[in-house]
Amino acid sequence: MFTTWDECMKAVSCYTKPEFKSFASMKEAQIFLDEGDEKEKTQPKPKVKKENAVIAYIDGSY
């Protein structure tokens, strides 16, 4: 979380097409982050049984 626009831009300027979200309070921002953490915990982990297997994660653009 960033509290100033300059601080945010320094952190994300190296990424293409960053997405931004603002909140009225720090509490709202924390709730949003906590909900995202919960979604990650509930996603199933891939089961890999073969040696030399490769798992690729994509952002959906391909």
N, C-alpha and C. Protein backbone atom coordinates (compact mmCIF):
# COMPACT_ATOMS: atom_id res chain seq x y z
N MET A 1 0.86 -1.17 0.00
CA MET A 1 0.00 0.00 0.00
C MET A 1 0.90 1.23 0.00
N PHE A 2 0.45 2.22 -0.71
CA PHE A 2 1.18 3.48 -0.79
C PHE A 2 0.27 4.59 -0.32
N THR A 3 0.85 5.58 0.31
CA THR A 3 0.05 6.69 0.81
C THR A 3 0.20 7.94 -0.04
N THR A 4 1.16 7.95 -0.98
CA THR A 4 1.30 9.09 -1.88
C THR A 4 1.43 8.58 -3.31
N TRP A 5 1.02 9.43 -4.25
CA TRP A 5 1.09 9.07 -5.66
C TRP A 5 2.55 8.92 -6.10
N ASP A 6 3.43 9.81 -5.64
CA ASP A 6 4.85 9.72 -6.02
C ASP A 6 5.47 8.40 -5.57
N GLU A 7 5.17 7.99 -4.36
CA GLU A 7 5.67 6.73 -3.82
C GLU A 7 5.18 5.55 -4.67
N CYS A 8 3.94 5.59 -5.05
CA CYS A 8 3.34 4.54 -5.88
C CYS A 8 4.01 4.49 -7.24
N MET A 9 4.15 5.64 -7.89
CA MET A 9 4.73 5.68 -9.23
C MET A 9 6.18 5.19 -9.25
N LYS A 10 6.94 5.49 -8.21
CA LYS A 10 8.32 4.99 -8.15
C LYS A 10 8.34 3.47 -8.10
N ALA A 11 7.37 2.88 -7.42
CA ALA A 11 7.34 1.43 -7.25
C ALA A 11 6.83 0.69 -8.47
N VAL A 12 5.94 1.30 -9.26
CA VAL A 12 5.30 0.57 -10.36
C VAL A 12 5.71 1.05 -11.74
N SER A 13 6.55 2.06 -11.84
CA SER A 13 6.89 2.62 -13.15
C SER A 13 7.61 1.63 -14.06
N CYS A 14 8.21 0.59 -13.52
CA CYS A 14 8.92 -0.38 -14.34
C CYS A 14 8.00 -1.45 -14.94
N TYR A 15 6.72 -1.45 -14.57
CA TYR A 15 5.77 -2.44 -15.06
C TYR A 15 4.91 -1.86 -16.18
N THR A 16 4.57 -2.70 -17.15
CA THR A 16 3.68 -2.23 -18.20
C THR A 16 2.23 -2.39 -17.74
N LYS A 17 1.43 -1.42 -18.04
CA LYS A 17 0.00 -1.40 -17.72
C LYS A 17 -0.32 -1.73 -16.25
N PRO A 18 0.27 -1.02 -15.30
CA PRO A 18 -0.10 -1.27 -13.91
C PRO A 18 -1.56 -0.87 -13.67
N GLU A 19 -2.20 -1.53 -12.74
CA GLU A 19 -3.58 -1.19 -12.37
C GLU A 19 -3.57 -0.58 -10.98
N PHE A 20 -4.42 0.39 -10.78
CA PHE A 20 -4.46 1.12 -9.52
C PHE A 20 -5.84 1.00 -8.89
N LYS A 21 -5.86 1.05 -7.57
CA LYS A 21 -7.13 1.02 -6.84
C LYS A 21 -6.96 1.93 -5.63
N SER A 22 -7.92 2.79 -5.43
CA SER A 22 -7.84 3.69 -4.27
C SER A 22 -8.93 3.33 -3.27
N PHE A 23 -8.71 3.75 -2.04
CA PHE A 23 -9.63 3.45 -0.95
C PHE A 23 -9.83 4.70 -0.11
N ALA A 24 -10.98 4.79 0.51
CA ALA A 24 -11.29 5.94 1.36
C ALA A 24 -10.54 5.88 2.69
N SER A 25 -10.17 4.66 3.11
CA SER A 25 -9.47 4.53 4.38
C SER A 25 -8.47 3.38 4.31
N MET A 26 -7.54 3.39 5.22
CA MET A 26 -6.54 2.32 5.30
C MET A 26 -7.22 1.00 5.67
N LYS A 27 -8.29 1.08 6.47
CA LYS A 27 -9.02 -0.12 6.87
C LYS A 27 -9.65 -0.80 5.65
N GLU A 28 -10.25 -0.01 4.75
CA GLU A 28 -10.83 -0.57 3.53
C GLU A 28 -9.76 -1.25 2.67
N ALA A 29 -8.60 -0.63 2.57
CA ALA A 29 -7.51 -1.21 1.79
C ALA A 29 -7.06 -2.54 2.40
N GLN A 30 -6.95 -2.59 3.71
CA GLN A 30 -6.52 -3.82 4.37
C GLN A 30 -7.55 -4.94 4.17
N ILE A 31 -8.82 -4.61 4.24
CA ILE A 31 -9.87 -5.61 4.00
C ILE A 31 -9.75 -6.16 2.59
N PHE A 32 -9.53 -5.28 1.60
CA PHE A 32 -9.37 -5.70 0.22
C PHE A 32 -8.18 -6.66 0.08
N LEU A 33 -7.05 -6.34 0.70
CA LEU A 33 -5.88 -7.20 0.64
C LEU A 33 -6.13 -8.54 1.34
N ASP A 34 -6.79 -8.50 2.47
CA ASP A 34 -7.08 -9.73 3.21
C ASP A 34 -7.99 -10.65 2.41
N GLU A 35 -8.97 -10.09 1.71
CA GLU A 35 -9.87 -10.90 0.89
C GLU A 35 -9.10 -11.56 -0.25
N GLY A 36 -8.14 -10.85 -0.83
CA GLY A 36 -7.31 -11.42 -1.88
C GLY A 36 -6.46 -12.58 -1.36
N ASP A 37 -5.95 -12.44 -0.13
CA ASP A 37 -5.18 -13.53 0.48
C ASP A 37 -6.04 -14.76 0.68
N GLU A 38 -7.30 -14.56 1.06
CA GLU A 38 -8.21 -15.69 1.27
C GLU A 38 -8.49 -16.42 -0.04
N LYS A 39 -8.65 -15.68 -1.14
CA LYS A 39 -8.89 -16.30 -2.44
C LYS A 39 -7.71 -17.17 -2.85
N GLU A 40 -6.49 -16.70 -2.58
CA GLU A 40 -5.30 -17.46 -2.94
C GLU A 40 -5.22 -18.76 -2.13
N LYS A 41 -5.62 -18.71 -0.88
CA LYS A 41 -5.56 -19.90 -0.02
C LYS A 41 -6.55 -20.97 -0.46
N THR A 42 -7.67 -20.55 -1.05
CA THR A 42 -8.70 -21.53 -1.41
C THR A 42 -8.49 -22.17 -2.77
N GLN A 43 -7.56 -21.64 -3.56
CA GLN A 43 -7.32 -22.22 -4.87
C GLN A 43 -6.53 -23.52 -4.71
N PRO A 44 -6.90 -24.55 -5.45
CA PRO A 44 -6.22 -25.84 -5.32
C PRO A 44 -4.78 -25.77 -5.81
N LYS A 45 -3.93 -26.49 -5.14
CA LYS A 45 -2.54 -26.57 -5.54
C LYS A 45 -2.41 -27.68 -6.58
N PRO A 46 -1.60 -27.46 -7.61
CA PRO A 46 -1.45 -28.51 -8.63
C PRO A 46 -0.73 -29.72 -8.07
N LYS A 47 -1.15 -30.89 -8.50
CA LYS A 47 -0.51 -32.13 -8.08
C LYS A 47 0.41 -32.59 -9.20
N VAL A 48 1.68 -32.63 -8.91
CA VAL A 48 2.66 -33.03 -9.91
C VAL A 48 3.27 -34.34 -9.45
N LYS A 49 3.10 -35.38 -10.28
CA LYS A 49 3.61 -36.69 -9.93
C LYS A 49 4.82 -37.11 -10.76
N LYS A 50 5.02 -36.46 -11.90
CA LYS A 50 6.11 -36.84 -12.77
C LYS A 50 7.35 -36.01 -12.46
N GLU A 51 8.49 -36.66 -12.57
CA GLU A 51 9.73 -35.91 -12.43
C GLU A 51 9.92 -35.06 -13.68
N ASN A 52 10.66 -34.00 -13.55
CA ASN A 52 10.95 -33.10 -14.66
C ASN A 52 9.70 -32.45 -15.24
N ALA A 53 8.68 -32.26 -14.45
CA ALA A 53 7.46 -31.60 -14.91
C ALA A 53 7.64 -30.09 -14.83
N VAL A 54 6.95 -29.37 -15.70
CA VAL A 54 6.99 -27.92 -15.70
C VAL A 54 5.57 -27.40 -15.50
N ILE A 55 5.41 -26.48 -14.57
CA ILE A 55 4.12 -25.84 -14.34
C ILE A 55 4.27 -24.38 -14.73
N ALA A 56 3.40 -23.89 -15.58
CA ALA A 56 3.46 -22.50 -16.03
C ALA A 56 2.21 -21.77 -15.57
N TYR A 57 2.39 -20.59 -15.01
CA TYR A 57 1.28 -19.73 -14.61
C TYR A 57 1.28 -18.54 -15.55
N ILE A 58 0.12 -18.20 -16.09
CA ILE A 58 0.03 -17.06 -16.99
C ILE A 58 -0.97 -16.06 -16.44
N ASP A 59 -0.93 -14.87 -16.99
CA ASP A 59 -1.84 -13.82 -16.52
C ASP A 59 -3.13 -13.76 -17.31
N GLY A 60 -3.34 -14.69 -18.21
CA GLY A 60 -4.58 -14.73 -18.96
C GLY A 60 -4.53 -13.99 -20.29
N SER A 61 -3.44 -13.32 -20.59
CA SER A 61 -3.36 -12.57 -21.84
C SER A 61 -3.00 -13.44 -23.03
N TYR A 62 -2.62 -14.69 -22.78
CA TYR A 62 -2.26 -15.59 -23.89
C TYR A 62 -3.21 -16.74 -23.98
